[in-house]
Amino acid sequence: MHLVVHVLILSIGLSLSLSAQPLDLEKLHGMQARSIGPAGMSGRVTAIDALEENPDVIYAGTASGVL
């Protein structure tokens, strides 16, 4: 199971890096940092799983129950 998770994470990372588009920083020139609301930054992922028949579906469980 751990090997499956590691392979899944690696394949997602590779697919994202291969399909990344160049970032035009000029488009971000006028943007400023702003608060977008509350965010829970604590907790931990306790479980992760994916469907073999549909690799686009990934389930993640957290200690708090919220992700």
Protein backbone atom coordinates (compact mmCIF):
# COMPACT_ATOMS: atom_id res chain seq x y z
CA MET A 1 0.00 0.00 0.00
CA HIS A 2 2.78 2.45 0.89
CA LEU A 3 4.45 1.82 -2.46
CA VAL A 4 1.17 2.55 -4.26
CA VAL A 5 0.83 5.87 -2.42
CA HIS A 6 4.43 6.86 -3.19
CA VAL A 7 4.03 5.98 -6.87
CA LEU A 8 0.74 7.90 -6.98
CA ILE A 9 2.26 11.01 -5.42
CA LEU A 10 5.29 10.81 -7.71
CA SER A 11 3.13 10.40 -10.83
CA ILE A 12 0.92 13.35 -9.87
CA GLY A 13 4.00 15.51 -9.27
CA LEU A 14 5.54 14.53 -12.59
CA SER A 15 2.34 15.14 -14.54
CA LEU A 16 1.95 18.58 -12.96
CA SER A 17 5.54 19.57 -13.68
CA LEU A 18 5.35 18.35 -17.27
CA SER A 19 2.19 20.31 -18.00
CA ALA A 20 3.19 23.54 -16.22
CA GLN A 21 2.88 26.75 -18.18
CA PRO A 22 5.43 29.55 -17.91
CA LEU A 23 4.39 32.31 -15.50
CA ASP A 24 4.30 35.84 -16.86
CA LEU A 25 5.22 37.92 -13.79
CA GLU A 26 4.10 41.10 -15.52
CA LYS A 27 0.48 39.95 -15.08
CA LEU A 28 0.99 39.87 -11.29
CA HIS A 29 2.58 43.32 -11.09
CA GLY A 30 -0.48 45.14 -9.68
CA MET A 31 -1.50 42.47 -7.18
CA GLN A 32 -1.12 42.95 -3.43
CA ALA A 33 -1.33 40.45 -0.57
CA ARG A 34 -4.75 40.34 1.11
CA SER A 35 -6.61 38.29 3.69
CA ILE A 36 -8.94 35.73 2.13
CA GLY A 37 -10.51 34.48 5.35
CA PRO A 38 -9.88 31.94 8.06
CA ALA A 39 -7.80 28.91 7.27
CA GLY A 40 -6.92 25.94 9.46
CA MET A 41 -3.21 25.37 8.97
CA SER A 42 -2.78 22.61 11.53
CA GLY A 43 -3.55 18.92 11.53
CA ARG A 44 -2.18 15.99 9.64
CA VAL A 45 -3.17 13.61 6.88
CA THR A 46 -3.87 10.21 8.41
CA ALA A 47 -4.90 8.27 5.30
CA ILE A 48 -4.76 8.54 1.53
CA ASP A 49 -6.16 6.22 -1.12
CA ALA A 50 -7.04 6.25 -4.81
CA LEU A 51 -9.34 4.22 -7.00
CA GLU A 52 -7.47 1.87 -9.31
CA GLU A 53 -10.29 2.02 -11.86
CA ASN A 54 -10.30 5.85 -11.81
CA PRO A 55 -6.94 7.40 -10.82
CA ASP A 56 -8.51 10.87 -10.96
CA VAL A 57 -10.32 10.07 -7.67
CA ILE A 58 -8.15 10.40 -4.57
CA TYR A 59 -9.44 10.21 -0.99
CA ALA A 60 -7.54 11.83 1.88
CA GLY A 61 -8.43 11.58 5.56
CA THR A 62 -7.22 13.92 8.26
CA ALA A 63 -6.98 13.71 12.04
CA SER A 64 -9.56 16.50 12.37
CA GLY A 65 -11.86 15.04 9.72
CA VAL A 66 -11.65 18.19 7.57
CA LEU A 67 -9.47 18.64 4.50
